[in-house]
Amino acid sequence: NTDRSQLARIAKRMEEKADRLTLE
């Protein structure tokens, strides 16, 4: 379960980085 929670946090950071590229 800890791995899946860690994945969710990593995915959120990736999505935020992708959002910045979208704005650019």
PDBML (XML) file of the C-alpha atoms, coordinates in Angstrom:
<?xml version="1.0" encoding="UTF-8" ?>
<PDBx:datablock datablockName="MODEL"
   xmlns:PDBx="http://pdbml.pdb.org/schema/pdbx-v50.xsd"
   xmlns:xsi="http://www.w3.org/2001/XMLSchema-instance"
   xsi:schemaLocation="http://pdbml.pdb.org/schema/pdbx-v50.xsd pdbx-v50.xsd">
   <PDBx:atom_siteCategory>
      <PDBx:atom_site id="1">
         <PDBx:B_iso_or_equiv>0.00</PDBx:B_iso_or_equiv>
         <PDBx:Cartn_x>0.000</PDBx:Cartn_x>
         <PDBx:Cartn_y>0.000</PDBx:Cartn_y>
         <PDBx:Cartn_z>0.000</PDBx:Cartn_z>
         <PDBx:auth_asym_id>A</PDBx:auth_asym_id>
         <PDBx:auth_atom_id>CA</PDBx:auth_atom_id>
         <PDBx:auth_comp_id>ASN</PDBx:auth_comp_id>
         <PDBx:auth_seq_id>1</PDBx:auth_seq_id>
         <PDBx:group_PDB>ATOM</PDBx:group_PDB>
         <PDBx:label_alt_id xsi:nil="true" />
         <PDBx:label_asym_id>A</PDBx:label_asym_id>
         <PDBx:label_atom_id>CA</PDBx:label_atom_id>
         <PDBx:label_comp_id>ASN</PDBx:label_comp_id>
         <PDBx:label_entity_id>1</PDBx:label_entity_id>
         <PDBx:label_seq_id>1</PDBx:label_seq_id>
         <PDBx:occupancy>1.00</PDBx:occupancy>
         <PDBx:pdbx_PDB_model_num>1</PDBx:pdbx_PDB_model_num>
         <PDBx:type_symbol>C</PDBx:type_symbol>
      </PDBx:atom_site>
      <PDBx:atom_site id="2">
         <PDBx:B_iso_or_equiv>0.00</PDBx:B_iso_or_equiv>
         <PDBx:Cartn_x>2.916</PDBx:Cartn_x>
         <PDBx:Cartn_y>2.361</PDBx:Cartn_y>
         <PDBx:Cartn_z>0.736</PDBx:Cartn_z>
         <PDBx:auth_asym_id>A</PDBx:auth_asym_id>
         <PDBx:auth_atom_id>CA</PDBx:auth_atom_id>
         <PDBx:auth_comp_id>THR</PDBx:auth_comp_id>
         <PDBx:auth_seq_id>2</PDBx:auth_seq_id>
         <PDBx:group_PDB>ATOM</PDBx:group_PDB>
         <PDBx:label_alt_id xsi:nil="true" />
         <PDBx:label_asym_id>A</PDBx:label_asym_id>
         <PDBx:label_atom_id>CA</PDBx:label_atom_id>
         <PDBx:label_comp_id>THR</PDBx:label_comp_id>
         <PDBx:label_entity_id>1</PDBx:label_entity_id>
         <PDBx:label_seq_id>2</PDBx:label_seq_id>
         <PDBx:occupancy>1.00</PDBx:occupancy>
         <PDBx:pdbx_PDB_model_num>1</PDBx:pdbx_PDB_model_num>
         <PDBx:type_symbol>C</PDBx:type_symbol>
      </PDBx:atom_site>
      <PDBx:atom_site id="3">
         <PDBx:B_iso_or_equiv>0.00</PDBx:B_iso_or_equiv>
         <PDBx:Cartn_x>4.191</PDBx:Cartn_x>
         <PDBx:Cartn_y>1.897</PDBx:Cartn_y>
         <PDBx:Cartn_z>-2.832</PDBx:Cartn_z>
         <PDBx:auth_asym_id>A</PDBx:auth_asym_id>
         <PDBx:auth_atom_id>CA</PDBx:auth_atom_id>
         <PDBx:auth_comp_id>ASP</PDBx:auth_comp_id>
         <PDBx:auth_seq_id>3</PDBx:auth_seq_id>
         <PDBx:group_PDB>ATOM</PDBx:group_PDB>
         <PDBx:label_alt_id xsi:nil="true" />
         <PDBx:label_asym_id>A</PDBx:label_asym_id>
         <PDBx:label_atom_id>CA</PDBx:label_atom_id>
         <PDBx:label_comp_id>ASP</PDBx:label_comp_id>
         <PDBx:label_entity_id>1</PDBx:label_entity_id>
         <PDBx:label_seq_id>3</PDBx:label_seq_id>
         <PDBx:occupancy>1.00</PDBx:occupancy>
         <PDBx:pdbx_PDB_model_num>1</PDBx:pdbx_PDB_model_num>
         <PDBx:type_symbol>C</PDBx:type_symbol>
      </PDBx:atom_site>
      <PDBx:atom_site id="4">
         <PDBx:B_iso_or_equiv>0.00</PDBx:B_iso_or_equiv>
         <PDBx:Cartn_x>0.813</PDBx:Cartn_x>
         <PDBx:Cartn_y>2.860</PDBx:Cartn_y>
         <PDBx:Cartn_z>-4.260</PDBx:Cartn_z>
         <PDBx:auth_asym_id>A</PDBx:auth_asym_id>
         <PDBx:auth_atom_id>CA</PDBx:auth_atom_id>
         <PDBx:auth_comp_id>ARG</PDBx:auth_comp_id>
         <PDBx:auth_seq_id>4</PDBx:auth_seq_id>
         <PDBx:group_PDB>ATOM</PDBx:group_PDB>
         <PDBx:label_alt_id xsi:nil="true" />
         <PDBx:label_asym_id>A</PDBx:label_asym_id>
         <PDBx:label_atom_id>CA</PDBx:label_atom_id>
         <PDBx:label_comp_id>ARG</PDBx:label_comp_id>
         <PDBx:label_entity_id>1</PDBx:label_entity_id>
         <PDBx:label_seq_id>4</PDBx:label_seq_id>
         <PDBx:occupancy>1.00</PDBx:occupancy>
         <PDBx:pdbx_PDB_model_num>1</PDBx:pdbx_PDB_model_num>
         <PDBx:type_symbol>C</PDBx:type_symbol>
      </PDBx:atom_site>
      <PDBx:atom_site id="5">
         <PDBx:B_iso_or_equiv>0.00</PDBx:B_iso_or_equiv>
         <PDBx:Cartn_x>0.642</PDBx:Cartn_x>
         <PDBx:Cartn_y>5.986</PDBx:Cartn_y>
         <PDBx:Cartn_z>-2.090</PDBx:Cartn_z>
         <PDBx:auth_asym_id>A</PDBx:auth_asym_id>
         <PDBx:auth_atom_id>CA</PDBx:auth_atom_id>
         <PDBx:auth_comp_id>SER</PDBx:auth_comp_id>
         <PDBx:auth_seq_id>5</PDBx:auth_seq_id>
         <PDBx:group_PDB>ATOM</PDBx:group_PDB>
         <PDBx:label_alt_id xsi:nil="true" />
         <PDBx:label_asym_id>A</PDBx:label_asym_id>
         <PDBx:label_atom_id>CA</PDBx:label_atom_id>
         <PDBx:label_comp_id>SER</PDBx:label_comp_id>
         <PDBx:label_entity_id>1</PDBx:label_entity_id>
         <PDBx:label_seq_id>5</PDBx:label_seq_id>
         <PDBx:occupancy>1.00</PDBx:occupancy>
         <PDBx:pdbx_PDB_model_num>1</PDBx:pdbx_PDB_model_num>
         <PDBx:type_symbol>C</PDBx:type_symbol>
      </PDBx:atom_site>
      <PDBx:atom_site id="6">
         <PDBx:B_iso_or_equiv>0.00</PDBx:B_iso_or_equiv>
         <PDBx:Cartn_x>4.141</PDBx:Cartn_x>
         <PDBx:Cartn_y>6.937</PDBx:Cartn_y>
         <PDBx:Cartn_z>-3.156</PDBx:Cartn_z>
         <PDBx:auth_asym_id>A</PDBx:auth_asym_id>
         <PDBx:auth_atom_id>CA</PDBx:auth_atom_id>
         <PDBx:auth_comp_id>GLN</PDBx:auth_comp_id>
         <PDBx:auth_seq_id>6</PDBx:auth_seq_id>
         <PDBx:group_PDB>ATOM</PDBx:group_PDB>
         <PDBx:label_alt_id xsi:nil="true" />
         <PDBx:label_asym_id>A</PDBx:label_asym_id>
         <PDBx:label_atom_id>CA</PDBx:label_atom_id>
         <PDBx:label_comp_id>GLN</PDBx:label_comp_id>
         <PDBx:label_entity_id>1</PDBx:label_entity_id>
         <PDBx:label_seq_id>6</PDBx:label_seq_id>
         <PDBx:occupancy>1.00</PDBx:occupancy>
         <PDBx:pdbx_PDB_model_num>1</PDBx:pdbx_PDB_model_num>
         <PDBx:type_symbol>C</PDBx:type_symbol>
      </PDBx:atom_site>
      <PDBx:atom_site id="7">
         <PDBx:B_iso_or_equiv>0.00</PDBx:B_iso_or_equiv>
         <PDBx:Cartn_x>3.119</PDBx:Cartn_x>
         <PDBx:Cartn_y>6.478</PDBx:Cartn_y>
         <PDBx:Cartn_z>-6.811</PDBx:Cartn_z>
         <PDBx:auth_asym_id>A</PDBx:auth_asym_id>
         <PDBx:auth_atom_id>CA</PDBx:auth_atom_id>
         <PDBx:auth_comp_id>LEU</PDBx:auth_comp_id>
         <PDBx:auth_seq_id>7</PDBx:auth_seq_id>
         <PDBx:group_PDB>ATOM</PDBx:group_PDB>
         <PDBx:label_alt_id xsi:nil="true" />
         <PDBx:label_asym_id>A</PDBx:label_asym_id>
         <PDBx:label_atom_id>CA</PDBx:label_atom_id>
         <PDBx:label_comp_id>LEU</PDBx:label_comp_id>
         <PDBx:label_entity_id>1</PDBx:label_entity_id>
         <PDBx:label_seq_id>7</PDBx:label_seq_id>
         <PDBx:occupancy>1.00</PDBx:occupancy>
         <PDBx:pdbx_PDB_model_num>1</PDBx:pdbx_PDB_model_num>
         <PDBx:type_symbol>C</PDBx:type_symbol>
      </PDBx:atom_site>
      <PDBx:atom_site id="8">
         <PDBx:B_iso_or_equiv>0.00</PDBx:B_iso_or_equiv>
         <PDBx:Cartn_x>0.187</PDBx:Cartn_x>
         <PDBx:Cartn_y>8.856</PDBx:Cartn_y>
         <PDBx:Cartn_z>-6.310</PDBx:Cartn_z>
         <PDBx:auth_asym_id>A</PDBx:auth_asym_id>
         <PDBx:auth_atom_id>CA</PDBx:auth_atom_id>
         <PDBx:auth_comp_id>ALA</PDBx:auth_comp_id>
         <PDBx:auth_seq_id>8</PDBx:auth_seq_id>
         <PDBx:group_PDB>ATOM</PDBx:group_PDB>
         <PDBx:label_alt_id xsi:nil="true" />
         <PDBx:label_asym_id>A</PDBx:label_asym_id>
         <PDBx:label_atom_id>CA</PDBx:label_atom_id>
         <PDBx:label_comp_id>ALA</PDBx:label_comp_id>
         <PDBx:label_entity_id>1</PDBx:label_entity_id>
         <PDBx:label_seq_id>8</PDBx:label_seq_id>
         <PDBx:occupancy>1.00</PDBx:occupancy>
         <PDBx:pdbx_PDB_model_num>1</PDBx:pdbx_PDB_model_num>
         <PDBx:type_symbol>C</PDBx:type_symbol>
      </PDBx:atom_site>
      <PDBx:atom_site id="9">
         <PDBx:B_iso_or_equiv>0.00</PDBx:B_iso_or_equiv>
         <PDBx:Cartn_x>2.511</PDBx:Cartn_x>
         <PDBx:Cartn_y>11.540</PDBx:Cartn_y>
         <PDBx:Cartn_z>-4.964</PDBx:Cartn_z>
         <PDBx:auth_asym_id>A</PDBx:auth_asym_id>
         <PDBx:auth_atom_id>CA</PDBx:auth_atom_id>
         <PDBx:auth_comp_id>ARG</PDBx:auth_comp_id>
         <PDBx:auth_seq_id>9</PDBx:auth_seq_id>
         <PDBx:group_PDB>ATOM</PDBx:group_PDB>
         <PDBx:label_alt_id xsi:nil="true" />
         <PDBx:label_asym_id>A</PDBx:label_asym_id>
         <PDBx:label_atom_id>CA</PDBx:label_atom_id>
         <PDBx:label_comp_id>ARG</PDBx:label_comp_id>
         <PDBx:label_entity_id>1</PDBx:label_entity_id>
         <PDBx:label_seq_id>9</PDBx:label_seq_id>
         <PDBx:occupancy>1.00</PDBx:occupancy>
         <PDBx:pdbx_PDB_model_num>1</PDBx:pdbx_PDB_model_num>
         <PDBx:type_symbol>C</PDBx:type_symbol>
      </PDBx:atom_site>
      <PDBx:atom_site id="10">
         <PDBx:B_iso_or_equiv>0.00</PDBx:B_iso_or_equiv>
         <PDBx:Cartn_x>4.971</PDBx:Cartn_x>
         <PDBx:Cartn_y>11.064</PDBx:Cartn_y>
         <PDBx:Cartn_z>-7.821</PDBx:Cartn_z>
         <PDBx:auth_asym_id>A</PDBx:auth_asym_id>
         <PDBx:auth_atom_id>CA</PDBx:auth_atom_id>
         <PDBx:auth_comp_id>ILE</PDBx:auth_comp_id>
         <PDBx:auth_seq_id>10</PDBx:auth_seq_id>
         <PDBx:group_PDB>ATOM</PDBx:group_PDB>
         <PDBx:label_alt_id xsi:nil="true" />
         <PDBx:label_asym_id>A</PDBx:label_asym_id>
         <PDBx:label_atom_id>CA</PDBx:label_atom_id>
         <PDBx:label_comp_id>ILE</PDBx:label_comp_id>
         <PDBx:label_entity_id>1</PDBx:label_entity_id>
         <PDBx:label_seq_id>10</PDBx:label_seq_id>
         <PDBx:occupancy>1.00</PDBx:occupancy>
         <PDBx:pdbx_PDB_model_num>1</PDBx:pdbx_PDB_model_num>
         <PDBx:type_symbol>C</PDBx:type_symbol>
      </PDBx:atom_site>
      <PDBx:atom_site id="11">
         <PDBx:B_iso_or_equiv>0.00</PDBx:B_iso_or_equiv>
         <PDBx:Cartn_x>2.130</PDBx:Cartn_x>
         <PDBx:Cartn_y>11.164</PDBx:Cartn_y>
         <PDBx:Cartn_z>-10.363</PDBx:Cartn_z>
         <PDBx:auth_asym_id>A</PDBx:auth_asym_id>
         <PDBx:auth_atom_id>CA</PDBx:auth_atom_id>
         <PDBx:auth_comp_id>ALA</PDBx:auth_comp_id>
         <PDBx:auth_seq_id>11</PDBx:auth_seq_id>
         <PDBx:group_PDB>ATOM</PDBx:group_PDB>
         <PDBx:label_alt_id xsi:nil="true" />
         <PDBx:label_asym_id>A</PDBx:label_asym_id>
         <PDBx:label_atom_id>CA</PDBx:label_atom_id>
         <PDBx:label_comp_id>ALA</PDBx:label_comp_id>
         <PDBx:label_entity_id>1</PDBx:label_entity_id>
         <PDBx:label_seq_id>11</PDBx:label_seq_id>
         <PDBx:occupancy>1.00</PDBx:occupancy>
         <PDBx:pdbx_PDB_model_num>1</PDBx:pdbx_PDB_model_num>
         <PDBx:type_symbol>C</PDBx:type_symbol>
      </PDBx:atom_site>
      <PDBx:atom_site id="12">
         <PDBx:B_iso_or_equiv>0.00</PDBx:B_iso_or_equiv>
         <PDBx:Cartn_x>0.912</PDBx:Cartn_x>
         <PDBx:Cartn_y>14.457</PDBx:Cartn_y>
         <PDBx:Cartn_z>-8.911</PDBx:Cartn_z>
         <PDBx:auth_asym_id>A</PDBx:auth_asym_id>
         <PDBx:auth_atom_id>CA</PDBx:auth_atom_id>
         <PDBx:auth_comp_id>LYS</PDBx:auth_comp_id>
         <PDBx:auth_seq_id>12</PDBx:auth_seq_id>
         <PDBx:group_PDB>ATOM</PDBx:group_PDB>
         <PDBx:label_alt_id xsi:nil="true" />
         <PDBx:label_asym_id>A</PDBx:label_asym_id>
         <PDBx:label_atom_id>CA</PDBx:label_atom_id>
         <PDBx:label_comp_id>LYS</PDBx:label_comp_id>
         <PDBx:label_entity_id>1</PDBx:label_entity_id>
         <PDBx:label_seq_id>12</PDBx:label_seq_id>
         <PDBx:occupancy>1.00</PDBx:occupancy>
         <PDBx:pdbx_PDB_model_num>1</PDBx:pdbx_PDB_model_num>
         <PDBx:type_symbol>C</PDBx:type_symbol>
      </PDBx:atom_site>
      <PDBx:atom_site id="13">
         <PDBx:B_iso_or_equiv>0.00</PDBx:B_iso_or_equiv>
         <PDBx:Cartn_x>4.348</PDBx:Cartn_x>
         <PDBx:Cartn_y>16.028</PDBx:Cartn_y>
         <PDBx:Cartn_z>-9.287</PDBx:Cartn_z>
         <PDBx:auth_asym_id>A</PDBx:auth_asym_id>
         <PDBx:auth_atom_id>CA</PDBx:auth_atom_id>
         <PDBx:auth_comp_id>ARG</PDBx:auth_comp_id>
         <PDBx:auth_seq_id>13</PDBx:auth_seq_id>
         <PDBx:group_PDB>ATOM</PDBx:group_PDB>
         <PDBx:label_alt_id xsi:nil="true" />
         <PDBx:label_asym_id>A</PDBx:label_asym_id>
         <PDBx:label_atom_id>CA</PDBx:label_atom_id>
         <PDBx:label_comp_id>ARG</PDBx:label_comp_id>
         <PDBx:label_entity_id>1</PDBx:label_entity_id>
         <PDBx:label_seq_id>13</PDBx:label_seq_id>
         <PDBx:occupancy>1.00</PDBx:occupancy>
         <PDBx:pdbx_PDB_model_num>1</PDBx:pdbx_PDB_model_num>
         <PDBx:type_symbol>C</PDBx:type_symbol>
      </PDBx:atom_site>
      <PDBx:atom_site id="14">
         <PDBx:B_iso_or_equiv>0.00</PDBx:B_iso_or_equiv>
         <PDBx:Cartn_x>4.564</PDBx:Cartn_x>
         <PDBx:Cartn_y>14.774</PDBx:Cartn_y>
         <PDBx:Cartn_z>-12.878</PDBx:Cartn_z>
         <PDBx:auth_asym_id>A</PDBx:auth_asym_id>
         <PDBx:auth_atom_id>CA</PDBx:auth_atom_id>
         <PDBx:auth_comp_id>MET</PDBx:auth_comp_id>
         <PDBx:auth_seq_id>14</PDBx:auth_seq_id>
         <PDBx:group_PDB>ATOM</PDBx:group_PDB>
         <PDBx:label_alt_id xsi:nil="true" />
         <PDBx:label_asym_id>A</PDBx:label_asym_id>
         <PDBx:label_atom_id>CA</PDBx:label_atom_id>
         <PDBx:label_comp_id>MET</PDBx:label_comp_id>
         <PDBx:label_entity_id>1</PDBx:label_entity_id>
         <PDBx:label_seq_id>14</PDBx:label_seq_id>
         <PDBx:occupancy>1.00</PDBx:occupancy>
         <PDBx:pdbx_PDB_model_num>1</PDBx:pdbx_PDB_model_num>
         <PDBx:type_symbol>C</PDBx:type_symbol>
      </PDBx:atom_site>
      <PDBx:atom_site id="15">
         <PDBx:B_iso_or_equiv>0.00</PDBx:B_iso_or_equiv>
         <PDBx:Cartn_x>1.123</PDBx:Cartn_x>
         <PDBx:Cartn_y>16.185</PDBx:Cartn_y>
         <PDBx:Cartn_z>-13.648</PDBx:Cartn_z>
         <PDBx:auth_asym_id>A</PDBx:auth_asym_id>
         <PDBx:auth_atom_id>CA</PDBx:auth_atom_id>
         <PDBx:auth_comp_id>GLU</PDBx:auth_comp_id>
         <PDBx:auth_seq_id>15</PDBx:auth_seq_id>
         <PDBx:group_PDB>ATOM</PDBx:group_PDB>
         <PDBx:label_alt_id xsi:nil="true" />
         <PDBx:label_asym_id>A</PDBx:label_asym_id>
         <PDBx:label_atom_id>CA</PDBx:label_atom_id>
         <PDBx:label_comp_id>GLU</PDBx:label_comp_id>
         <PDBx:label_entity_id>1</PDBx:label_entity_id>
         <PDBx:label_seq_id>15</PDBx:label_seq_id>
         <PDBx:occupancy>1.00</PDBx:occupancy>
         <PDBx:pdbx_PDB_model_num>1</PDBx:pdbx_PDB_model_num>
         <PDBx:type_symbol>C</PDBx:type_symbol>
      </PDBx:atom_site>
      <PDBx:atom_site id="16">
         <PDBx:B_iso_or_equiv>0.00</PDBx:B_iso_or_equiv>
         <PDBx:Cartn_x>2.103</PDBx:Cartn_x>
         <PDBx:Cartn_y>19.591</PDBx:Cartn_y>
         <PDBx:Cartn_z>-12.232</PDBx:Cartn_z>
         <PDBx:auth_asym_id>A</PDBx:auth_asym_id>
         <PDBx:auth_atom_id>CA</PDBx:auth_atom_id>
         <PDBx:auth_comp_id>GLU</PDBx:auth_comp_id>
         <PDBx:auth_seq_id>16</PDBx:auth_seq_id>
         <PDBx:group_PDB>ATOM</PDBx:group_PDB>
         <PDBx:label_alt_id xsi:nil="true" />
         <PDBx:label_asym_id>A</PDBx:label_asym_id>
         <PDBx:label_atom_id>CA</PDBx:label_atom_id>
         <PDBx:label_comp_id>GLU</PDBx:label_comp_id>
         <PDBx:label_entity_id>1</PDBx:label_entity_id>
         <PDBx:label_seq_id>16</PDBx:label_seq_id>
         <PDBx:occupancy>1.00</PDBx:occupancy>
         <PDBx:pdbx_PDB_model_num>1</PDBx:pdbx_PDB_model_num>
         <PDBx:type_symbol>C</PDBx:type_symbol>
      </PDBx:atom_site>
      <PDBx:atom_site id="17">
         <PDBx:B_iso_or_equiv>0.00</PDBx:B_iso_or_equiv>
         <PDBx:Cartn_x>5.271</PDBx:Cartn_x>
         <PDBx:Cartn_y>19.631</PDBx:Cartn_y>
         <PDBx:Cartn_z>-14.351</PDBx:Cartn_z>
         <PDBx:auth_asym_id>A</PDBx:auth_asym_id>
         <PDBx:auth_atom_id>CA</PDBx:auth_atom_id>
         <PDBx:auth_comp_id>LYS</PDBx:auth_comp_id>
         <PDBx:auth_seq_id>17</PDBx:auth_seq_id>
         <PDBx:group_PDB>ATOM</PDBx:group_PDB>
         <PDBx:label_alt_id xsi:nil="true" />
         <PDBx:label_asym_id>A</PDBx:label_asym_id>
         <PDBx:label_atom_id>CA</PDBx:label_atom_id>
         <PDBx:label_comp_id>LYS</PDBx:label_comp_id>
         <PDBx:label_entity_id>1</PDBx:label_entity_id>
         <PDBx:label_seq_id>17</PDBx:label_seq_id>
         <PDBx:occupancy>1.00</PDBx:occupancy>
         <PDBx:pdbx_PDB_model_num>1</PDBx:pdbx_PDB_model_num>
         <PDBx:type_symbol>C</PDBx:type_symbol>
      </PDBx:atom_site>
      <PDBx:atom_site id="18">
         <PDBx:B_iso_or_equiv>0.00</PDBx:B_iso_or_equiv>
         <PDBx:Cartn_x>3.204</PDBx:Cartn_x>
         <PDBx:Cartn_y>18.698</PDBx:Cartn_y>
         <PDBx:Cartn_z>-17.401</PDBx:Cartn_z>
         <PDBx:auth_asym_id>A</PDBx:auth_asym_id>
         <PDBx:auth_atom_id>CA</PDBx:auth_atom_id>
         <PDBx:auth_comp_id>ALA</PDBx:auth_comp_id>
         <PDBx:auth_seq_id>18</PDBx:auth_seq_id>
         <PDBx:group_PDB>ATOM</PDBx:group_PDB>
         <PDBx:label_alt_id xsi:nil="true" />
         <PDBx:label_asym_id>A</PDBx:label_asym_id>
         <PDBx:label_atom_id>CA</PDBx:label_atom_id>
         <PDBx:label_comp_id>ALA</PDBx:label_comp_id>
         <PDBx:label_entity_id>1</PDBx:label_entity_id>
         <PDBx:label_seq_id>18</PDBx:label_seq_id>
         <PDBx:occupancy>1.00</PDBx:occupancy>
         <PDBx:pdbx_PDB_model_num>1</PDBx:pdbx_PDB_model_num>
         <PDBx:type_symbol>C</PDBx:type_symbol>
      </PDBx:atom_site>
      <PDBx:atom_site id="19">
         <PDBx:B_iso_or_equiv>0.00</PDBx:B_iso_or_equiv>
         <PDBx:Cartn_x>0.784</PDBx:Cartn_x>
         <PDBx:Cartn_y>21.539</PDBx:Cartn_y>
         <PDBx:Cartn_z>-16.581</PDBx:Cartn_z>
         <PDBx:auth_asym_id>A</PDBx:auth_asym_id>
         <PDBx:auth_atom_id>CA</PDBx:auth_atom_id>
         <PDBx:auth_comp_id>ASP</PDBx:auth_comp_id>
         <PDBx:auth_seq_id>19</PDBx:auth_seq_id>
         <PDBx:group_PDB>ATOM</PDBx:group_PDB>
         <PDBx:label_alt_id xsi:nil="true" />
         <PDBx:label_asym_id>A</PDBx:label_asym_id>
         <PDBx:label_atom_id>CA</PDBx:label_atom_id>
         <PDBx:label_comp_id>ASP</PDBx:label_comp_id>
         <PDBx:label_entity_id>1</PDBx:label_entity_id>
         <PDBx:label_seq_id>19</PDBx:label_seq_id>
         <PDBx:occupancy>1.00</PDBx:occupancy>
         <PDBx:pdbx_PDB_model_num>1</PDBx:pdbx_PDB_model_num>
         <PDBx:type_symbol>C</PDBx:type_symbol>
      </PDBx:atom_site>
      <PDBx:atom_site id="20">
         <PDBx:B_iso_or_equiv>0.00</PDBx:B_iso_or_equiv>
         <PDBx:Cartn_x>3.654</PDBx:Cartn_x>
         <PDBx:Cartn_y>24.044</PDBx:Cartn_y>
         <PDBx:Cartn_z>-16.764</PDBx:Cartn_z>
         <PDBx:auth_asym_id>A</PDBx:auth_asym_id>
         <PDBx:auth_atom_id>CA</PDBx:auth_atom_id>
         <PDBx:auth_comp_id>ARG</PDBx:auth_comp_id>
         <PDBx:auth_seq_id>20</PDBx:auth_seq_id>
         <PDBx:group_PDB>ATOM</PDBx:group_PDB>
         <PDBx:label_alt_id xsi:nil="true" />
         <PDBx:label_asym_id>A</PDBx:label_asym_id>
         <PDBx:label_atom_id>CA</PDBx:label_atom_id>
         <PDBx:label_comp_id>ARG</PDBx:label_comp_id>
         <PDBx:label_entity_id>1</PDBx:label_entity_id>
         <PDBx:label_seq_id>20</PDBx:label_seq_id>
         <PDBx:occupancy>1.00</PDBx:occupancy>
         <PDBx:pdbx_PDB_model_num>1</PDBx:pdbx_PDB_model_num>
         <PDBx:type_symbol>C</PDBx:type_symbol>
      </PDBx:atom_site>
      <PDBx:atom_site id="21">
         <PDBx:B_iso_or_equiv>0.00</PDBx:B_iso_or_equiv>
         <PDBx:Cartn_x>4.628</PDBx:Cartn_x>
         <PDBx:Cartn_y>22.728</PDBx:Cartn_y>
         <PDBx:Cartn_z>-20.183</PDBx:Cartn_z>
         <PDBx:auth_asym_id>A</PDBx:auth_asym_id>
         <PDBx:auth_atom_id>CA</PDBx:auth_atom_id>
         <PDBx:auth_comp_id>LEU</PDBx:auth_comp_id>
         <PDBx:auth_seq_id>21</PDBx:auth_seq_id>
         <PDBx:group_PDB>ATOM</PDBx:group_PDB>
         <PDBx:label_alt_id xsi:nil="true" />
         <PDBx:label_asym_id>A</PDBx:label_asym_id>
         <PDBx:label_atom_id>CA</PDBx:label_atom_id>
         <PDBx:label_comp_id>LEU</PDBx:label_comp_id>
         <PDBx:label_entity_id>1</PDBx:label_entity_id>
         <PDBx:label_seq_id>21</PDBx:label_seq_id>
         <PDBx:occupancy>1.00</PDBx:occupancy>
         <PDBx:pdbx_PDB_model_num>1</PDBx:pdbx_PDB_model_num>
         <PDBx:type_symbol>C</PDBx:type_symbol>
      </PDBx:atom_site>
      <PDBx:atom_site id="22">
         <PDBx:B_iso_or_equiv>0.00</PDBx:B_iso_or_equiv>
         <PDBx:Cartn_x>1.013</PDBx:Cartn_x>
         <PDBx:Cartn_y>23.033</PDBx:Cartn_y>
         <PDBx:Cartn_z>-21.288</PDBx:Cartn_z>
         <PDBx:auth_asym_id>A</PDBx:auth_asym_id>
         <PDBx:auth_atom_id>CA</PDBx:auth_atom_id>
         <PDBx:auth_comp_id>THR</PDBx:auth_comp_id>
         <PDBx:auth_seq_id>22</PDBx:auth_seq_id>
         <PDBx:group_PDB>ATOM</PDBx:group_PDB>
         <PDBx:label_alt_id xsi:nil="true" />
         <PDBx:label_asym_id>A</PDBx:label_asym_id>
         <PDBx:label_atom_id>CA</PDBx:label_atom_id>
         <PDBx:label_comp_id>THR</PDBx:label_comp_id>
         <PDBx:label_entity_id>1</PDBx:label_entity_id>
         <PDBx:label_seq_id>22</PDBx:label_seq_id>
         <PDBx:occupancy>1.00</PDBx:occupancy>
         <PDBx:pdbx_PDB_model_num>1</PDBx:pdbx_PDB_model_num>
         <PDBx:type_symbol>C</PDBx:type_symbol>
      </PDBx:atom_site>
      <PDBx:atom_site id="23">
         <PDBx:B_iso_or_equiv>0.00</PDBx:B_iso_or_equiv>
         <PDBx:Cartn_x>0.962</PDBx:Cartn_x>
         <PDBx:Cartn_y>26.693</PDBx:Cartn_y>
         <PDBx:Cartn_z>-20.254</PDBx:Cartn_z>
         <PDBx:auth_asym_id>A</PDBx:auth_asym_id>
         <PDBx:auth_atom_id>CA</PDBx:auth_atom_id>
         <PDBx:auth_comp_id>LEU</PDBx:auth_comp_id>
         <PDBx:auth_seq_id>23</PDBx:auth_seq_id>
         <PDBx:group_PDB>ATOM</PDBx:group_PDB>
         <PDBx:label_alt_id xsi:nil="true" />
         <PDBx:label_asym_id>A</PDBx:label_asym_id>
         <PDBx:label_atom_id>CA</PDBx:label_atom_id>
         <PDBx:label_comp_id>LEU</PDBx:label_comp_id>
         <PDBx:label_entity_id>1</PDBx:label_entity_id>
         <PDBx:label_seq_id>23</PDBx:label_seq_id>
         <PDBx:occupancy>1.00</PDBx:occupancy>
         <PDBx:pdbx_PDB_model_num>1</PDBx:pdbx_PDB_model_num>
         <PDBx:type_symbol>C</PDBx:type_symbol>
      </PDBx:atom_site>
      <PDBx:atom_site id="24">
         <PDBx:B_iso_or_equiv>0.00</PDBx:B_iso_or_equiv>
         <PDBx:Cartn_x>4.228</PDBx:Cartn_x>
         <PDBx:Cartn_y>27.311</PDBx:Cartn_y>
         <PDBx:Cartn_z>-22.127</PDBx:Cartn_z>
         <PDBx:auth_asym_id>A</PDBx:auth_asym_id>
         <PDBx:auth_atom_id>CA</PDBx:auth_atom_id>
         <PDBx:auth_comp_id>GLU</PDBx:auth_comp_id>
         <PDBx:auth_seq_id>24</PDBx:auth_seq_id>
         <PDBx:group_PDB>ATOM</PDBx:group_PDB>
         <PDBx:label_alt_id xsi:nil="true" />
         <PDBx:label_asym_id>A</PDBx:label_asym_id>
         <PDBx:label_atom_id>CA</PDBx:label_atom_id>
         <PDBx:label_comp_id>GLU</PDBx:label_comp_id>
         <PDBx:label_entity_id>1</PDBx:label_entity_id>
         <PDBx:label_seq_id>24</PDBx:label_seq_id>
         <PDBx:occupancy>1.00</PDBx:occupancy>
         <PDBx:pdbx_PDB_model_num>1</PDBx:pdbx_PDB_model_num>
         <PDBx:type_symbol>C</PDBx:type_symbol>
      </PDBx:atom_site>
   </PDBx:atom_siteCategory>
</PDBx:datablock>
